[in-house]
Amino acid sequence: MIYGIGTDVCDLRRIRATLERRGERFAQKVLGPAEIEVFRARRARVEERGIAYLGTRFSAKEAFSKAIGLGLRMPMTWRACEILNHPSGQPYIRLHGALAAWFDERTLEAHVSVSDESDYAASFVAVEHKDPR
């Protein structure tokens, strides 16, 4: 059974401008420990790949926060939610700390899709109960 859905579109030009103004501090606020490593590696190779990565993660976290109905209120925090990729490239959500406990108590499972183009990143998240009630 569906618990919630969320979608978000992010303007990558705004992400780029924020990085120019605030430097990596913005990425460190939004990205979890595994994500920041990927961001740095992609950005070191090609600046635009790093920006797109940060934008898709920002967008997916916004979509996830909408799908669970909390917005960016505790226990939902930027760094407690990571959007990672399986070896196949498929994105998935890894939760940490109080957010993981909150999510597990409700027996929820999340599915995420991310996409980006030159100026935009978009994400869709569906959250469902693991076992029908």
Protein backbone atom coordinates (compact mmCIF):
# COMPACT_ATOMS: atom_id res chain seq x y z
CA MET A 1 0.00 0.00 0.00
CA ILE A 2 1.28 3.46 -0.89
CA TYR A 3 2.25 5.58 2.11
CA GLY A 4 3.18 8.69 0.14
CA ILE A 5 4.67 10.09 -3.05
CA GLY A 6 6.87 13.09 -3.67
CA THR A 7 8.43 14.85 -6.61
CA ASP A 8 10.84 17.75 -6.98
CA VAL A 9 12.52 19.74 -9.74
CA CYS A 10 15.78 21.55 -9.03
CA ASP A 11 17.35 24.31 -11.12
CA LEU A 12 21.02 23.34 -11.49
CA ARG A 13 21.93 26.97 -12.21
CA ARG A 14 20.90 27.80 -8.63
CA ILE A 15 23.02 24.91 -7.31
CA ARG A 16 26.01 26.20 -9.32
CA ALA A 17 25.51 29.76 -8.02
CA THR A 18 25.24 28.53 -4.42
CA LEU A 19 28.46 26.54 -4.78
CA GLU A 20 30.18 29.61 -6.19
CA ARG A 21 28.99 31.74 -3.26
CA ARG A 22 29.38 29.28 -0.38
CA GLY A 23 31.92 26.81 -1.70
CA GLU A 24 31.76 23.20 -0.61
CA ARG A 25 30.00 24.14 2.66
CA PHE A 26 26.66 23.86 0.83
CA ALA A 27 27.47 20.33 -0.38
CA GLN A 28 28.63 19.35 3.11
CA LYS A 29 25.29 20.53 4.55
CA VAL A 30 23.20 18.58 2.03
CA LEU A 31 25.23 15.41 1.38
CA GLY A 32 25.85 12.47 3.70
CA PRO A 33 29.26 10.82 4.16
CA ALA A 34 29.09 8.44 1.18
CA GLU A 35 27.52 11.06 -1.08
CA ILE A 36 30.17 13.71 -0.42
CA GLU A 37 32.89 11.31 -1.60
CA VAL A 38 31.06 10.69 -4.88
CA PHE A 39 30.40 14.43 -5.29
CA ARG A 40 34.07 15.29 -4.84
CA ALA A 41 35.21 12.60 -7.28
CA ARG A 42 32.71 13.63 -9.96
CA ARG A 43 33.40 17.33 -9.50
CA ALA A 44 37.17 16.76 -9.72
CA ARG A 45 36.73 15.04 -13.11
CA VAL A 46 34.15 17.42 -14.58
CA GLU A 47 32.66 20.36 -12.66
CA GLU A 48 29.24 19.96 -14.28
CA ARG A 49 29.02 16.28 -13.25
CA GLY A 50 29.53 17.30 -9.63
CA ILE A 51 26.85 19.97 -9.89
CA ALA A 52 24.39 17.54 -11.50
CA TYR A 53 25.12 14.97 -8.78
CA LEU A 54 24.50 17.51 -6.01
CA GLY A 55 21.33 18.70 -7.75
CA THR A 56 19.86 15.23 -8.13
CA ARG A 57 20.58 14.45 -4.46
CA PHE A 58 19.07 17.74 -3.32
CA SER A 59 15.99 17.09 -5.46
CA ALA A 60 15.60 13.47 -4.31
CA LYS A 61 15.83 14.43 -0.64
CA GLU A 62 13.15 17.09 -1.16
CA ALA A 63 10.95 14.49 -2.90
CA PHE A 64 11.58 11.96 -0.12
CA SER A 65 10.68 14.48 2.59
CA LYS A 66 7.39 15.14 0.79
CA ALA A 67 6.66 11.42 0.36
CA ILE A 68 7.05 10.73 4.07
CA GLY A 69 4.99 13.80 4.96
CA LEU A 70 7.56 15.47 7.21
CA GLY A 71 9.14 18.04 4.99
CA LEU A 72 12.51 19.01 6.45
CA ARG A 73 11.47 18.56 10.08
CA MET A 74 12.98 16.14 12.57
CA PRO A 75 13.78 13.38 12.24
CA MET A 76 14.22 14.25 8.53
CA THR A 77 17.53 16.01 7.94
CA TRP A 78 19.62 16.42 4.82
CA ARG A 79 22.48 14.23 6.02
CA ALA A 80 20.27 11.51 7.57
CA CYS A 81 19.05 10.63 4.08
CA GLU A 82 21.50 9.51 1.41
CA ILE A 83 20.70 8.80 -2.23
CA LEU A 84 23.23 6.22 -3.40
CA ASN A 85 23.53 3.95 -6.42
CA HIS A 86 23.69 0.18 -6.74
CA PRO A 87 26.50 -1.12 -9.02
CA SER A 88 23.89 -1.29 -11.80
CA GLY A 89 23.36 2.48 -11.46
CA GLN A 90 19.90 2.18 -9.90
CA PRO A 91 19.47 4.80 -7.16
CA TYR A 92 18.33 3.83 -3.67
CA ILE A 93 17.80 5.57 -0.36
CA ARG A 94 19.92 4.84 2.73
CA LEU A 95 18.72 6.35 6.02
CA HIS A 96 20.66 6.99 9.22
CA GLY A 97 19.97 7.55 12.91
CA ALA A 98 16.59 8.74 14.15
CA LEU A 99 15.21 8.96 10.61
CA ALA A 100 16.07 5.30 9.94
CA ALA A 101 14.39 4.29 13.21
CA TRP A 102 11.28 6.39 12.41
CA PHE A 103 11.07 4.83 8.94
CA ASP A 104 11.60 1.25 10.20
CA GLU A 105 8.95 1.64 12.95
CA ARG A 106 6.42 2.29 10.21
CA THR A 107 7.68 -0.66 8.11
CA LEU A 108 8.21 1.57 5.10
CA GLU A 109 10.17 1.08 1.91
CA ALA A 110 11.21 3.83 -0.52
CA HIS A 111 11.76 3.82 -4.26
CA VAL A 112 13.54 6.71 -5.95
CA SER A 113 14.17 7.87 -9.50
CA VAL A 114 16.44 10.77 -10.44
CA SER A 115 17.13 12.48 -13.73
CA ASP A 116 19.05 15.52 -14.89
CA GLU A 117 19.46 17.65 -17.98
CA SER A 118 21.69 20.63 -18.62
CA ASP A 119 19.75 23.05 -16.39
CA TYR A 120 17.44 20.86 -14.26
CA ALA A 121 17.37 17.83 -12.01
CA ALA A 122 14.13 16.00 -11.22
CA SER A 123 13.26 13.29 -8.75
CA PHE A 124 10.33 11.08 -7.89
CA VAL A 125 9.95 9.06 -4.69
CA ALA A 126 7.30 6.50 -3.80
CA VAL A 127 7.07 5.21 -0.25
CA GLU A 128 5.06 2.11 0.56
CA HIS A 129 4.38 -0.18 3.48
CA LYS A 130 6.58 -3.29 3.28
CA ASP A 131 3.74 -5.51 4.38
CA PRO A 132 0.12 -4.65 3.48
CA ARG A 133 -2.07 -3.61 6.42
